[in-house]
Amino acid sequence: METVLAFVIGALFAAGMYSMLRRSLVKLIIGLIFLSTAGNLLIFVAGGLTPASPPLVQAKEEVAAASAADPLPQAMILTAIVIGFGVLAFTLVLIKRTFKTVGTDDIDDLMERHY
């Protein structure tokens, strides 16, 4: 399962970088989404996949079982999702304002008009 997820993560990183190198600002946003998803999956896989083992401590135990999932990567992913959503919302508003002001979403046209 980890091997399949490694290929998926690699494909998402590649698609994200390719999309961010395109000329359109909309494709830049799509690439940003791909990169944040790939980063979240990378943290998830690095934390280890332990199906059906929630990170819970039983009533008479001091620590969780050795086979239990590590809750730290899960908390990091939740934080990364919230931060990624905030960055994406800011980017969408910034690109909308740029399109309203300039009238194009082509990066080369933006550079020609600015200089």
Protein backbone atom coordinates (compact mmCIF):
# COMPACT_ATOMS: atom_id res chain seq x y z
CA MET A 1 0.00 0.00 0.00
CA GLU A 2 2.86 2.36 0.79
CA THR A 3 4.33 1.78 -2.68
CA VAL A 4 1.09 2.77 -4.40
CA LEU A 5 0.80 5.88 -2.24
CA ALA A 6 4.43 6.76 -3.01
CA PHE A 7 3.65 6.73 -6.73
CA VAL A 8 0.49 8.77 -6.16
CA ILE A 9 2.43 11.34 -4.12
CA GLY A 10 5.11 11.55 -6.81
CA ALA A 11 2.48 12.01 -9.51
CA LEU A 12 0.74 14.73 -7.49
CA PHE A 13 4.02 16.59 -6.92
CA ALA A 14 4.86 16.33 -10.63
CA ALA A 15 1.40 17.48 -11.72
CA GLY A 16 1.51 20.33 -9.21
CA MET A 17 4.87 21.57 -10.39
CA TYR A 18 3.85 21.24 -14.03
CA SER A 19 0.63 23.16 -13.40
CA MET A 20 2.44 25.91 -11.52
CA LEU A 21 4.83 26.40 -14.46
CA ARG A 22 1.99 27.04 -16.91
CA ARG A 23 1.05 30.54 -18.11
CA SER A 24 -2.42 30.77 -16.59
CA LEU A 25 -3.09 31.93 -13.05
CA VAL A 26 -5.95 29.42 -12.74
CA LYS A 27 -3.51 26.60 -13.46
CA LEU A 28 -1.26 28.07 -10.79
CA ILE A 29 -4.07 27.59 -8.26
CA ILE A 30 -4.65 24.01 -9.44
CA GLY A 31 -0.93 23.31 -9.02
CA LEU A 32 -1.03 24.78 -5.53
CA ILE A 33 -3.90 22.45 -4.64
CA PHE A 34 -1.98 19.44 -6.00
CA LEU A 35 1.15 20.38 -4.05
CA SER A 36 -0.71 20.81 -0.75
CA THR A 37 -2.50 17.48 -1.24
CA ALA A 38 0.77 15.74 -2.04
CA GLY A 39 2.40 17.24 1.05
CA ASN A 40 -0.47 16.07 3.25
CA LEU A 41 -0.28 12.56 1.82
CA LEU A 42 3.48 12.53 2.33
CA ILE A 43 3.09 13.36 6.03
CA PHE A 44 0.36 10.73 6.31
CA VAL A 45 2.48 7.98 4.77
CA ALA A 46 5.60 9.02 6.71
CA GLY A 47 3.61 8.61 9.94
CA GLY A 48 2.98 4.97 9.11
CA LEU A 49 -0.16 3.22 8.00
CA THR A 50 -1.78 1.24 10.80
CA PRO A 51 -5.33 0.31 9.83
CA ALA A 52 -7.90 -0.42 12.54
CA SER A 53 -5.61 0.74 15.36
CA PRO A 54 -6.86 4.06 16.74
CA PRO A 55 -4.47 5.98 19.03
CA LEU A 56 -6.53 5.39 22.16
CA VAL A 57 -5.30 4.45 25.64
CA GLN A 58 -7.33 1.73 27.30
CA ALA A 59 -8.76 2.20 30.81
CA LYS A 60 -6.05 0.39 32.81
CA GLU A 61 -3.05 1.20 30.62
CA GLU A 62 -0.55 4.04 30.94
CA VAL A 63 0.37 4.29 27.25
CA ALA A 64 -1.21 3.25 23.98
CA ALA A 65 -0.43 -0.13 22.47
CA ALA A 66 2.67 -0.42 20.29
CA SER A 67 0.55 -1.14 17.21
CA ALA A 68 -1.57 1.99 17.66
CA ALA A 69 -1.42 4.78 15.12
CA ASP A 70 0.72 7.82 15.89
CA PRO A 71 -1.59 10.83 16.43
CA LEU A 72 1.10 13.46 15.70
CA PRO A 73 1.09 13.09 11.87
CA GLN A 74 -2.71 13.21 11.93
CA ALA A 75 -2.65 16.47 13.88
CA MET A 76 0.00 17.88 11.54
CA ILE A 77 -2.14 17.01 8.52
CA LEU A 78 -5.18 18.72 10.04
CA THR A 79 -3.10 21.82 10.66
CA ALA A 80 -1.68 21.69 7.13
CA ILE A 81 -5.19 21.40 5.66
CA VAL A 82 -6.34 24.51 7.53
CA ILE A 83 -3.25 26.50 6.55
CA GLY A 84 -3.49 25.29 2.95
CA PHE A 85 -7.14 26.35 2.78
CA GLY A 86 -6.25 29.81 4.07
CA VAL A 87 -3.45 30.22 1.54
CA LEU A 88 -5.72 28.98 -1.25
CA ALA A 89 -8.50 31.40 -0.28
CA PHE A 90 -6.03 34.31 -0.22
CA THR A 91 -4.62 33.26 -3.60
CA LEU A 92 -8.10 33.05 -5.13
CA VAL A 93 -8.99 36.54 -3.93
CA LEU A 94 -5.66 37.94 -5.11
CA ILE A 95 -6.02 36.40 -8.56
CA LYS A 96 -9.64 37.57 -8.85
CA ARG A 97 -8.56 41.11 -8.03
CA THR A 98 -5.68 40.88 -10.51
CA PHE A 99 -8.02 39.67 -13.24
CA LYS A 100 -10.48 42.49 -12.51
CA THR A 101 -7.73 45.11 -12.62
CA VAL A 102 -5.72 43.88 -15.60
CA GLY A 103 -8.30 41.88 -17.54
CA THR A 104 -6.20 38.78 -18.19
CA ASP A 105 -4.94 35.74 -16.33
CA ASP A 106 -1.94 35.14 -18.60
CA ILE A 107 1.30 35.61 -16.67
CA ASP A 108 3.28 36.80 -19.71
CA ASP A 109 0.68 39.50 -20.42
CA LEU A 110 0.85 40.59 -16.79
CA MET A 111 4.62 40.94 -17.00
CA GLU A 112 4.42 42.98 -20.23
CA ARG A 113 1.82 45.34 -18.77
CA HIS A 114 3.74 45.78 -15.52
CA TYR A 115 7.09 46.67 -17.06
